[in-house]
Amino acid sequence: MADLGKLLQVSMHRRHVTAQALAQRTGIRTPRIRAFVEDGADGPVHPTEQELAELADALGLPLREVLQAARDTVPALA
């Protein structure tokens, strides 16, 4: 399974959507979306479940796939 950043990059490219356009559709600030695309879910900016749901809806992706991609990039706690 691809990590969140890769999943967002591919989906945005496929739909010809920029981070700014995605921000307008979702209400999520553009810098946050860029951080998710560049760093995935394990970067300094962590997406909330609501943000992940909004991104999935805006990009036409199954929520389960987006949540799984976000989980795959976050290291497990000891």
Protein backbone atom coordinates (compact mmCIF):
# COMPACT_ATOMS: atom_id res chain seq x y z
CA MET A 1 0.00 0.00 0.00
CA ALA A 2 1.30 3.44 -0.89
CA ASP A 3 1.88 5.97 1.84
CA LEU A 4 -0.43 8.96 2.18
CA GLY A 5 1.86 11.40 0.35
CA LYS A 6 2.24 9.14 -2.67
CA LEU A 7 -1.49 8.35 -2.74
CA LEU A 8 -2.35 12.06 -2.72
CA GLN A 9 0.27 12.89 -5.37
CA VAL A 10 -0.99 10.23 -7.75
CA SER A 11 -4.67 11.07 -7.18
CA MET A 12 -4.15 14.80 -7.58
CA HIS A 13 -2.09 14.30 -10.74
CA ARG A 14 -4.65 11.91 -12.20
CA ARG A 15 -7.46 14.39 -11.61
CA HIS A 16 -5.38 17.45 -12.58
CA VAL A 17 -6.01 19.06 -9.18
CA THR A 18 -3.57 21.40 -7.45
CA ALA A 19 -3.16 21.73 -3.69
CA GLN A 20 -4.87 25.11 -3.89
CA ALA A 21 -7.87 23.69 -5.77
CA LEU A 22 -8.10 20.84 -3.29
CA ALA A 23 -7.98 23.35 -0.44
CA GLN A 24 -10.90 25.24 -1.96
CA ARG A 25 -12.92 22.02 -2.28
CA THR A 26 -12.21 20.81 1.25
CA GLY A 27 -11.63 23.88 3.38
CA ILE A 28 -8.25 22.49 4.46
CA ARG A 29 -5.54 25.13 4.24
CA THR A 30 -3.21 24.82 1.25
CA PRO A 31 0.00 24.58 3.35
CA ARG A 32 -1.46 21.62 5.26
CA ILE A 33 -2.34 19.81 2.03
CA ARG A 34 1.15 20.45 0.67
CA ALA A 35 2.61 19.06 3.90
CA PHE A 36 0.48 15.89 3.60
CA VAL A 37 1.57 15.45 -0.03
CA GLU A 38 5.26 16.04 0.69
CA ASP A 39 5.62 14.29 4.07
CA GLY A 40 2.67 11.91 4.27
CA ALA A 41 1.12 11.33 7.67
CA ASP A 42 4.39 11.01 9.58
CA GLY A 43 5.71 14.51 8.86
CA PRO A 44 5.52 17.40 11.31
CA VAL A 45 1.90 18.11 10.28
CA HIS A 46 -0.45 15.22 11.05
CA PRO A 47 -3.82 14.95 9.30
CA THR A 48 -6.96 14.49 11.35
CA GLU A 49 -9.48 11.79 10.48
CA GLN A 50 -11.88 14.53 9.34
CA GLU A 51 -9.23 15.94 6.98
CA LEU A 52 -8.55 12.47 5.62
CA ALA A 53 -12.28 11.95 5.02
CA GLU A 54 -12.54 15.31 3.23
CA LEU A 55 -9.53 14.51 1.05
CA ALA A 56 -10.92 11.08 0.18
CA ASP A 57 -14.26 12.59 -0.77
CA ALA A 58 -12.74 15.42 -2.82
CA LEU A 59 -10.45 13.04 -4.72
CA GLY A 60 -13.04 10.29 -5.17
CA LEU A 61 -11.00 7.78 -3.18
CA PRO A 62 -12.34 5.13 -0.83
CA LEU A 63 -12.00 6.39 2.74
CA ARG A 64 -10.66 3.00 3.81
CA GLU A 65 -7.77 3.32 1.34
CA VAL A 66 -6.86 6.82 2.55
CA LEU A 67 -7.02 5.82 6.21
CA GLN A 68 -4.87 2.76 5.52
CA ALA A 69 -2.30 4.87 3.64
CA ALA A 70 -2.16 7.26 6.60
CA ARG A 71 -1.68 4.40 9.05
CA ASP A 72 1.04 2.79 6.93
CA THR A 73 3.20 5.90 7.20
CA VAL A 74 2.91 6.39 10.97
CA PRO A 75 5.40 4.26 12.94
CA ALA A 76 3.82 1.95 15.50
CA LEU A 77 4.13 2.97 19.13
CA ALA A 78 6.20 0.67 21.35
